[in-house]
């Protein structure tokens, strides 16, 4: 009968070591993917907030432009009235 090789003698130990290293590697890869997913989720959330803020600022800008246009019309009407009053007196 031949002596079993060293690999055959220690096969359960090698299997255990392989399983441990495989489990650790799997945990590291899983952690890495989870971290990337968290970054993507945070980025998506941040972009959504910025889009909403941008929309609100555009709406406010539109309202202010409308208000400026209304004031410009009133100013020009008043200026025309004053010019008419001053030119009519000459």
PDB file of N, CA and C in Angstrom:
ATOM      1  N   UNK A   1       0.836  -1.165   0.000  1.00  0.00           N
ATOM      2  CA  UNK A   1       0.000   0.000   0.000  1.00  0.00           C
ATOM      3  C   UNK A   1       0.892   1.243   0.000  1.00  0.00           C
ATOM      4  N   UNK A   2       0.504   2.200  -0.787  1.00  0.00           N
ATOM      5  CA  UNK A   2       1.327   3.402  -0.895  1.00  0.00           C
ATOM      6  C   UNK A   2       0.870   4.432   0.116  1.00  0.00           C
ATOM      7  N   UNK A   3       1.814   5.221   0.480  1.00  0.00           N
ATOM      8  CA  UNK A   3       1.528   6.316   1.426  1.00  0.00           C
ATOM      9  C   UNK A   3       0.695   7.373   0.714  1.00  0.00           C
ATOM     10  N   UNK A   4      -0.337   7.910   1.370  1.00  0.00           N
ATOM     11  CA  UNK A   4      -1.091   8.999   0.740  1.00  0.00           C
ATOM     12  C   UNK A   4      -0.197  10.238   0.646  1.00  0.00           C
ATOM     13  N   UNK A   5      -0.419  10.985  -0.404  1.00  0.00           N
ATOM     14  CA  UNK A   5       0.384  12.197  -0.579  1.00  0.00           C
ATOM     15  C   UNK A   5      -0.011  13.224   0.479  1.00  0.00           C
ATOM     16  N   UNK A   6       0.824  14.240   0.577  1.00  0.00           N
ATOM     17  CA  UNK A   6       0.572  15.285   1.579  1.00  0.00           C
ATOM     18  C   UNK A   6      -0.746  16.006   1.276  1.00  0.00           C
ATOM     19  N   UNK A   7      -1.081  16.111  -0.011  1.00  0.00           N
ATOM     20  CA  UNK A   7      -2.330  16.784  -0.374  1.00  0.00           C
ATOM     21  C   UNK A   7      -3.534  15.956   0.046  1.00  0.00           C
ATOM     22  N   UNK A   8      -3.417  14.654  -0.054  1.00  0.00           N
ATOM     23  CA  UNK A   8      -4.509  13.789   0.375  1.00  0.00           C
ATOM     24  C   UNK A   8      -4.635  13.781   1.894  1.00  0.00           C
ATOM     25  N   UNK A   9      -3.524  13.858   2.593  1.00  0.00           N
ATOM     26  CA  UNK A   9      -3.562  13.842   4.054  1.00  0.00           C
ATOM     27  C   UNK A   9      -4.205  15.107   4.615  1.00  0.00           C
ATOM     28  N   UNK A  10      -3.890  16.192   3.992  1.00  0.00           N
ATOM     29  CA  UNK A  10      -4.377  17.477   4.505  1.00  0.00           C
ATOM     30  C   UNK A  10      -5.525  18.062   3.674  1.00  0.00           C
ATOM     31  N   UNK A  11      -6.204  17.250   2.915  1.00  0.00           N
ATOM     32  CA  UNK A  11      -7.304  17.726   2.069  1.00  0.00           C
ATOM     33  C   UNK A  11      -8.386  18.448   2.874  1.00  0.00           C
ATOM     34  N   UNK A  12      -8.817  17.927   4.041  1.00  0.00           N
ATOM     35  CA  UNK A  12      -9.832  18.675   4.798  1.00  0.00           C
ATOM     36  C   UNK A  12      -9.327  20.045   5.252  1.00  0.00           C
ATOM     37  N   UNK A  13      -8.059  20.123   5.629  1.00  0.00           N
ATOM     38  CA  UNK A  13      -7.494  21.411   6.048  1.00  0.00           C
ATOM     39  C   UNK A  13      -7.450  22.383   4.885  1.00  0.00           C
ATOM     40  N   UNK A  14      -7.021  21.895   3.711  1.00  0.00           N
ATOM     41  CA  UNK A  14      -6.984  22.752   2.526  1.00  0.00           C
ATOM     42  C   UNK A  14      -8.400  23.211   2.146  1.00  0.00           C
ATOM     43  N   UNK A  15      -9.363  22.329   2.298  1.00  0.00           N
ATOM     44  CA  UNK A  15     -10.750  22.693   2.007  1.00  0.00           C
ATOM     45  C   UNK A  15     -11.236  23.778   2.962  1.00  0.00           C
ATOM     46  N   UNK A  16     -10.890  23.638   4.234  1.00  0.00           N
ATOM     47  CA  UNK A  16     -11.282  24.638   5.226  1.00  0.00           C
ATOM     48  C   UNK A  16     -10.635  25.983   4.931  1.00  0.00           C
ATOM     49  N   UNK A  17      -9.343  25.958   4.633  1.00  0.00           N
ATOM     50  CA  UNK A  17      -8.631  27.210   4.308  1.00  0.00           C
ATOM     51  C   UNK A  17      -9.228  27.840   3.057  1.00  0.00           C
ATOM     52  N   UNK A  18      -9.510  27.036   2.051  1.00  0.00           N
ATOM     53  CA  UNK A  18     -10.123  27.557   0.823  1.00  0.00           C
ATOM     54  C   UNK A  18     -11.487  28.164   1.083  1.00  0.00           C
ATOM     55  N   UNK A  19     -12.270  27.497   1.926  1.00  0.00           N
ATOM     56  CA  UNK A  19     -13.594  28.029   2.246  1.00  0.00           C
ATOM     57  C   UNK A  19     -13.479  29.349   3.008  1.00  0.00           C
ATOM     58  N   UNK A  20     -12.529  29.442   3.915  1.00  0.00           N
ATOM     59  CA  UNK A  20     -12.348  30.683   4.674  1.00  0.00           C
ATOM     60  C   UNK A  20     -11.924  31.830   3.759  1.00  0.00           C
ATOM     61  N   UNK A  21     -10.915  31.545   2.921  1.00  0.00           N
ATOM     62  CA  UNK A  21     -10.466  32.594   1.998  1.00  0.00           C
ATOM     63  C   UNK A  21     -11.574  32.972   1.018  1.00  0.00           C
ATOM     64  N   UNK A  22     -12.318  31.988   0.546  1.00  0.00           N
ATOM     65  CA  UNK A  22     -13.434  32.270  -0.360  1.00  0.00           C
ATOM     66  C   UNK A  22     -14.515  33.102   0.309  1.00  0.00           C
ATOM     67  N   UNK A  23     -14.830  32.782   1.564  1.00  0.00           N
ATOM     68  CA  UNK A  23     -15.836  33.548   2.302  1.00  0.00           C
ATOM     69  C   UNK A  23     -15.397  34.975   2.549  1.00  0.00           C
ATOM     70  N   UNK A  24     -14.120  35.140   2.890  1.00  0.00           N
ATOM     71  CA  UNK A  24     -13.590  36.491   3.120  1.00  0.00           C
ATOM     72  C   UNK A  24     -13.596  37.275   1.813  1.00  0.00           C
ATOM     73  N   UNK A  25     -13.169  36.639   0.727  1.00  0.00           N
ATOM     74  CA  UNK A  25     -13.163  37.326  -0.571  1.00  0.00           C
ATOM     75  C   UNK A  25     -14.588  37.713  -0.976  1.00  0.00           C
ATOM     76  N   UNK A  26     -15.534  36.810  -0.737  1.00  0.00           N
ATOM     77  CA  UNK A  26     -16.926  37.111  -1.063  1.00  0.00           C
ATOM     78  C   UNK A  26     -17.446  38.286  -0.228  1.00  0.00           C
ATOM     79  N   UNK A  27     -17.098  38.331   1.038  1.00  0.00           N
ATOM     80  CA  UNK A  27     -17.518  39.433   1.910  1.00  0.00           C
ATOM     81  C   UNK A  27     -16.909  40.750   1.442  1.00  0.00           C
ATOM     82  N   UNK A  28     -15.654  40.723   1.025  1.00  0.00           N
ATOM     83  CA  UNK A  28     -14.991  41.948   0.549  1.00  0.00           C
ATOM     84  C   UNK A  28     -15.664  42.452  -0.724  1.00  0.00           C
ATOM     85  N   UNK A  29     -15.915  41.548  -1.665  1.00  0.00           N
ATOM     86  CA  UNK A  29     -16.555  41.948  -2.922  1.00  0.00           C
ATOM     87  C   UNK A  29     -17.965  42.464  -2.651  1.00  0.00           C
ATOM     88  N   UNK A  30     -18.704  41.802  -1.787  1.00  0.00           N
ATOM     89  CA  UNK A  30     -20.055  42.235  -1.450  1.00  0.00           C
ATOM     90  C   UNK A  30     -20.033  43.629  -0.812  1.00  0.00           C
ATOM     91  N   UNK A  31     -19.090  43.852   0.091  1.00  0.00           N
ATOM     92  CA  UNK A  31     -18.939  45.158   0.732  1.00  0.00           C
ATOM     93  C   UNK A  31     -18.625  46.235  -0.301  1.00  0.00           C
ATOM     94  N   UNK A  32     -17.751  45.908  -1.229  1.00  0.00           N
ATOM     95  CA  UNK A  32     -17.365  46.863  -2.264  1.00  0.00           C
ATOM     96  C   UNK A  32     -18.570  47.228  -3.138  1.00  0.00           C
ATOM     97  N   UNK A  33     -19.351  46.207  -3.555  1.00  0.00           N
ATOM     98  CA  UNK A  33     -20.541  46.476  -4.359  1.00  0.00           C
ATOM     99  C   UNK A  33     -21.572  47.284  -3.570  1.00  0.00           C
ATOM    100  N   UNK A  34     -21.729  46.987  -2.301  1.00  0.00           N
ATOM    101  CA  UNK A  34     -22.694  47.715  -1.477  1.00  0.00           C
ATOM    102  C   UNK A  34     -22.284  49.183  -1.346  1.00  0.00           C
ATOM    103  N   UNK A  35     -20.990  49.421  -1.181  1.00  0.00           N
ATOM    104  CA  UNK A  35     -20.493  50.795  -1.067  1.00  0.00           C
ATOM    105  C   UNK A  35     -20.762  51.559  -2.357  1.00  0.00           C
ATOM    106  N   UNK A  36     -20.527  50.912  -3.499  1.00  0.00           N
ATOM    107  CA  UNK A  36     -20.807  51.568  -4.779  1.00  0.00           C
ATOM    108  C   UNK A  36     -22.296  51.842  -4.943  1.00  0.00           C
ATOM    109  N   UNK A  37     -23.133  50.907  -4.494  1.00  0.00           N
ATOM    110  CA  UNK A  37     -24.588  51.097  -4.569  1.00  0.00           C
ATOM    111  C   UNK A  37     -25.014  52.268  -3.693  1.00  0.00           C
ATOM    112  N   UNK A  38     -24.433  52.370  -2.511  1.00  0.00           N
ATOM    113  CA  UNK A  38     -24.762  53.487  -1.613  1.00  0.00           C
ATOM    114  C   UNK A  38     -24.374  54.816  -2.236  1.00  0.00           C
ATOM    115  N   UNK A  39     -23.217  54.849  -2.906  1.00  0.00           N
ATOM    116  CA  UNK A  39     -22.794  56.082  -3.570  1.00  0.00           C
ATOM    117  C   UNK A  39     -23.761  56.452  -4.683  1.00  0.00           C
ATOM    118  N   UNK A  40     -24.198  55.456  -5.461  1.00  0.00           N
ATOM    119  CA  UNK A  40     -25.148  55.733  -6.538  1.00  0.00           C
ATOM    120  C   UNK A  40     -26.470  56.226  -5.967  1.00  0.00           C
ATOM    121  N   UNK A  41     -26.938  55.602  -4.891  1.00  0.00           N
ATOM    122  CA  UNK A  41     -28.196  56.022  -4.276  1.00  0.00           C
ATOM    123  C   UNK A  41     -28.096  57.450  -3.757  1.00  0.00           C
ATOM    124  N   UNK A  42     -26.977  57.788  -3.116  1.00  0.00           N
ATOM    125  CA  UNK A  42     -26.782  59.142  -2.601  1.00  0.00           C
ATOM    126  C   UNK A  42     -26.735  60.134  -3.759  1.00  0.00           C
ATOM    127  N   UNK A  43     -26.029  59.756  -4.831  1.00  0.00           N
ATOM    128  CA  UNK A  43     -25.948  60.640  -5.997  1.00  0.00           C
ATOM    129  C   UNK A  43     -27.306  60.866  -6.629  1.00  0.00           C
ATOM    130  N   UNK A  44     -28.095  59.821  -6.718  1.00  0.00           N
ATOM    131  CA  UNK A  44     -29.439  59.940  -7.284  1.00  0.00           C
ATOM    132  C   UNK A  44     -30.306  60.847  -6.421  1.00  0.00           C
ATOM    133  N   UNK A  45     -30.210  60.664  -5.120  1.00  0.00           N
ATOM    134  CA  UNK A  45     -30.982  61.504  -4.198  1.00  0.00           C
ATOM    135  C   UNK A  45     -30.551  62.964  -4.304  1.00  0.00           C
ATOM    136  N   UNK A  46     -29.251  63.200  -4.357  1.00  0.00           N
ATOM    137  CA  UNK A  46     -28.734  64.564  -4.447  1.00  0.00           C
ATOM    138  C   UNK A  46     -29.155  65.220  -5.757  1.00  0.00           C
ATOM    139  N   UNK A  47     -29.076  64.482  -6.865  1.00  0.00           N
ATOM    140  CA  UNK A  47     -29.512  65.041  -8.149  1.00  0.00           C
ATOM    141  C   UNK A  47     -30.997  65.379  -8.126  1.00  0.00           C
ATOM    142  N   UNK A  48     -31.808  64.544  -7.483  1.00  0.00           N
ATOM    143  CA  UNK A  48     -33.235  64.827  -7.380  1.00  0.00           C
ATOM    144  C   UNK A  48     -33.502  66.109  -6.602  1.00  0.00           C
ATOM    145  N   UNK A  49     -32.779  66.274  -5.500  1.00  0.00           N
ATOM    146  CA  UNK A  49     -32.932  67.495  -4.701  1.00  0.00           C
ATOM    147  C   UNK A  49     -32.507  68.719  -5.500  1.00  0.00           C
ATOM    148  N   UNK A  50     -31.399  68.602  -6.236  1.00  0.00           N
ATOM    149  CA  UNK A  50     -30.920  69.736  -7.029  1.00  0.00           C
ATOM    150  C   UNK A  50     -31.884  70.063  -8.166  1.00  0.00           C
ATOM    151  N   UNK A  51     -32.471  69.040  -8.778  1.00  0.00           N
ATOM    152  CA  UNK A  51     -33.465  69.297  -9.833  1.00  0.00           C
ATOM    153  C   UNK A  51     -34.667  70.050  -9.268  1.00  0.00           C
ATOM    154  N   UNK A  52     -35.127  69.620  -8.095  1.00  0.00           N
ATOM    155  CA  UNK A  52     -36.277  70.274  -7.464  1.00  0.00           C
ATOM    156  C   UNK A  52     -35.944  71.729  -7.121  1.00  0.00           C
ATOM    157  N   UNK A  53     -34.767  71.946  -6.558  1.00  0.00           N
ATOM    158  CA  UNK A  53     -34.352  73.311  -6.216  1.00  0.00           C
ATOM    159  C   UNK A  53     -34.232  74.158  -7.472  1.00  0.00           C
ATOM    160  N   UNK A  54     -33.684  73.582  -8.543  1.00  0.00           N
ATOM    161  CA  UNK A  54     -33.547  74.302  -9.803  1.00  0.00           C
ATOM    162  C   UNK A  54     -34.914  74.684 -10.353  1.00  0.00           C
ATOM    163  N   UNK A  55     -35.877  73.771 -10.275  1.00  0.00           N
ATOM    164  CA  UNK A  55     -37.232  74.048 -10.744  1.00  0.00           C
ATOM    165  C   UNK A  55     -37.858  75.186  -9.940  1.00  0.00           C
ATOM    166  N   UNK A  56     -37.681  75.153  -8.619  1.00  0.00           N
ATOM    167  CA  UNK A  56     -38.228  76.217  -7.778  1.00  0.00           C
ATOM    168  C   UNK A  56     -37.595  77.560  -8.114  1.00  0.00           C
ATOM    169  N   UNK A  57     -36.278  77.570  -8.326  1.00  0.00           N
ATOM    170  CA  UNK A  57     -35.602  78.825  -8.665  1.00  0.00           C
ATOM    171  C   UNK A  57     -36.039  79.350 -10.026  1.00  0.00           C
ATOM    172  N   UNK A  58     -36.267  78.452 -10.985  1.00  0.00           N
ATOM    173  CA  UNK A  58     -36.750  78.891 -12.301  1.00  0.00           C
ATOM    174  C   UNK A  58     -38.150  79.497 -12.185  1.00  0.00           C
ATOM    175  N   UNK A  59     -38.996  78.858 -11.380  1.00  0.00           N
ATOM    176  CA  UNK A  59     -40.345  79.397 -11.181  1.00  0.00           C
ATOM    177  C   UNK A  59     -40.284  80.774 -10.529  1.00  0.00           C
ATOM    178  N   UNK A  60     -39.428  80.905  -9.522  1.00  0.00           N
ATOM    179  CA  UNK A  60     -39.285  82.203  -8.847  1.00  0.00           C
ATOM    180  C   UNK A  60     -38.746  83.252  -9.818  1.00  0.00           C
ATOM    181  N   UNK A  61     -37.789  82.860 -10.648  1.00  0.00           N
ATOM    182  CA  UNK A  61     -37.219  83.771 -11.632  1.00  0.00           C
ATOM    183  C   UNK A  61     -38.290  84.225 -12.629  1.00  0.00           C
ATOM    184  N   UNK A  62     -39.126  83.282 -13.075  1.00  0.00           N
ATOM    185  CA  UNK A  62     -40.201  83.617 -14.012  1.00  0.00           C
ATOM    186  C   UNK A  62     -41.173  84.610 -13.368  1.00  0.00           C
ATOM    187  N   UNK A  63     -41.534  84.361 -12.111  1.00  0.00           N
ATOM    188  CA  UNK A  63     -42.449  85.268 -11.411  1.00  0.00           C
ATOM    189  C   UNK A  63     -41.842  86.660 -11.258  1.00  0.00           C
ATOM    190  N   UNK A  64     -40.556  86.723 -10.935  1.00  0.00           N
ATOM    191  CA  UNK A  64     -39.908  88.022 -10.792  1.00  0.00           C
ATOM    192  C   UNK A  64     -39.831  88.759 -12.124  1.00  0.00           C
ATOM    193  N   UNK A  65     -39.579  88.032 -13.199  1.00  0.00           N
ATOM    194  CA  UNK A  65     -39.543  88.681 -14.518  1.00  0.00           C
ATOM    195  C   UNK A  65     -40.921  89.240 -14.883  1.00  0.00           C
ATOM    196  N   UNK A  66     -41.970  88.483 -14.559  1.00  0.00           N
ATOM    197  CA  UNK A  66     -43.321  88.981 -14.825  1.00  0.00           C
ATOM    198  C   UNK A  66     -43.607  90.230 -14.005  1.00  0.00           C
ATOM    199  N   UNK A  67     -43.170  90.239 -12.762  1.00  0.00           N
ATOM    200  CA  UNK A  67     -43.369  91.404 -11.907  1.00  0.00           C
ATOM    201  C   UNK A  67     -42.580  92.601 -12.442  1.00  0.00           C
ATOM    202  N   UNK A  68     -41.362  92.353 -12.894  1.00  0.00           N
ATOM    203  CA  UNK A  68     -40.540  93.439 -13.467  1.00  0.00           C
ATOM    204  C   UNK A  68     -41.205  93.993 -14.716  1.00  0.00           C
ATOM    205  N   UNK A  69     -41.728  93.112 -15.566  1.00  0.00           N
ATOM    206  CA  UNK A  69     -42.409  93.575 -16.777  1.00  0.00           C
ATOM    207  C   UNK A  69     -43.623  94.438 -16.429  1.00  0.00           C
ATOM    208  N   UNK A  70     -44.382  94.025 -15.411  1.00  0.00           N
ATOM    209  CA  UNK A  70     -45.552  94.809 -15.003  1.00  0.00           C
ATOM    210  C   UNK A  70     -45.121  96.177 -14.469  1.00  0.00           C
ATOM    211  N   UNK A  71     -44.055  96.197 -13.676  1.00  0.00           N
ATOM    212  CA  UNK A  71     -43.562  97.480 -13.157  1.00  0.00           C
ATOM    213  C   UNK A  71     -43.012  98.356 -14.273  1.00  0.00           C
ATOM    214  N   UNK A  72     -42.393  97.746 -15.273  1.00  0.00           N
ATOM    215  CA  UNK A  72     -41.853  98.509 -16.407  1.00  0.00           C
ATOM    216  C   UNK A  72     -42.992  99.190 -17.165  1.00  0.00           C
ATOM    217  N   UNK A  73     -44.089  98.469 -17.353  1.00  0.00           N
ATOM    218  CA  UNK A  73     -45.250  99.045 -18.051  1.00  0.00           C
ATOM    219  C   UNK A  73     -45.794 100.229 -17.248  1.00  0.00           C
ATOM    220  N   UNK A  74     -45.914 100.070 -15.926  1.00  0.00           N
ATOM    221  CA  UNK A  74     -46.399 101.166 -15.080  1.00  0.00           C
ATOM    222  C   UNK A  74     -45.444 102.356 -15.131  1.00  0.00           C
ATOM    223  N   UNK A  75     -44.142 102.087 -15.110  1.00  0.00           N
ATOM    224  CA  UNK A  75     -43.141 103.157 -15.147  1.00  0.00           C
ATOM    225  C   UNK A  75     -43.235 103.923 -16.463  1.00  0.00           C
ATOM    226  N   UNK A  76     -43.315 103.175 -17.565  1.00  0.00           N
ATOM    227  CA  UNK A  76     -43.394 103.853 -18.869  1.00  0.00           C
ATOM    228  C   UNK A  76     -44.691 104.650 -19.004  1.00  0.00           C
ATOM    229  N   UNK A  77     -45.781 104.130 -18.441  1.00  0.00           N
ATOM    230  CA  UNK A  77     -47.047 104.875 -18.480  1.00  0.00           C
ATOM    231  C   UNK A  77     -46.926 106.158 -17.668  1.00  0.00           C
ATOM    232  N   UNK A  78     -46.300 106.056 -16.494  1.00  0.00           N
ATOM    233  CA  UNK A  78     -46.130 107.245 -15.661  1.00  0.00           C
ATOM    234  C   UNK A  78     -45.187 108.237 -16.336  1.00  0.00           C
ATOM    235  N   UNK A  79     -44.124 107.729 -16.941  1.00  0.00           N
ATOM    236  CA  UNK A  79     -43.165 108.603 -17.626  1.00  0.00           C
ATOM    237  C   UNK A  79     -43.834 109.315 -18.798  1.00  0.00           C
ATOM    238  N   UNK A  80     -44.655 108.600 -19.539  1.00  0.00           N
ATOM    239  CA  UNK A  80     -45.387 109.202 -20.660  1.00  0.00           C
ATOM    240  C   UNK A  80     -46.341 110.271 -20.152  1.00  0.00           C
ATOM    241  N   UNK A  81     -47.010 109.985 -19.052  1.00  0.00           N
ATOM    242  CA  UNK A  81     -47.948 110.953 -18.475  1.00  0.00           C
ATOM    243  C   UNK A  81     -47.209 112.219 -18.037  1.00  0.00           C
ATOM    244  N   UNK A  82     -46.038 112.035 -17.402  1.00  0.00           N
ATOM    245  CA  UNK A  82     -45.252 113.194 -16.962  1.00  0.00           C
ATOM    246  C   UNK A  82     -44.769 113.992 -18.165  1.00  0.00           C
ATOM    247  N   UNK A  83     -44.326 113.301 -19.212  1.00  0.00           N
ATOM    248  CA  UNK A  83     -43.868 114.012 -20.428  1.00  0.00           C
ATOM    249  C   UNK A  83     -45.006 114.803 -21.073  1.00  0.00           C
ATOM    250  N   UNK A  84     -46.181 114.189 -21.068  1.00  0.00           N
ATOM    251  CA  UNK A  84     -47.340 114.878 -21.636  1.00  0.00           C
ATOM    252  C   UNK A  84     -47.670 116.112 -20.823  1.00  0.00           C
ATOM    253  N   UNK A  85     -47.542 115.981 -19.486  1.00  0.00           N
ATOM    254  CA  UNK A  85     -47.863 117.116 -18.630  1.00  0.00           C
ATOM    255  C   UNK A  85     -46.844 118.241 -18.813  1.00  0.00           C
ATOM    256  N   UNK A  86     -45.599 117.881 -18.940  1.00  0.00           N
ATOM    257  CA  UNK A  86     -44.567 118.927 -19.084  1.00  0.00           C
ATOM    258  C   UNK A  86     -44.550 119.519 -20.468  1.00  0.00           C
ATOM    259  N   UNK A  87     -44.789 118.729 -21.491  1.00  0.00           N
ATOM    260  CA  UNK A  87     -44.789 119.275 -22.868  1.00  0.00           C
ATOM    261  C   UNK A  87     -46.074 120.053 -23.137  1.00  0.00           C
ATOM    262  N   UNK A  88     -47.144 119.702 -22.469  1.00  0.00           N
ATOM    263  CA  UNK A  88     -48.411 120.408 -22.672  1.00  0.00           C
ATOM    264  C   UNK A  88     -48.365 121.796 -22.054  1.00  0.00           C
ATOM    265  N   UNK A  89     -47.505 122.012 -21.069  1.00  0.00           N
ATOM    266  CA  UNK A  89     -47.412 123.291 -20.419  1.00  0.00           C
ATOM    267  C   UNK A  89     -46.623 124.304 -21.226  1.00  0.00           C
ATOM    268  N   UNK A  90     -45.847 123.850 -22.196  1.00  0.00           N
ATOM    269  CA  UNK A  90     -45.026 124.783 -22.998  1.00  0.00           C
ATOM    270  C   UNK A  90     -45.785 125.409 -24.076  1.00  0.00           C
TER     271      UNK A  90
END
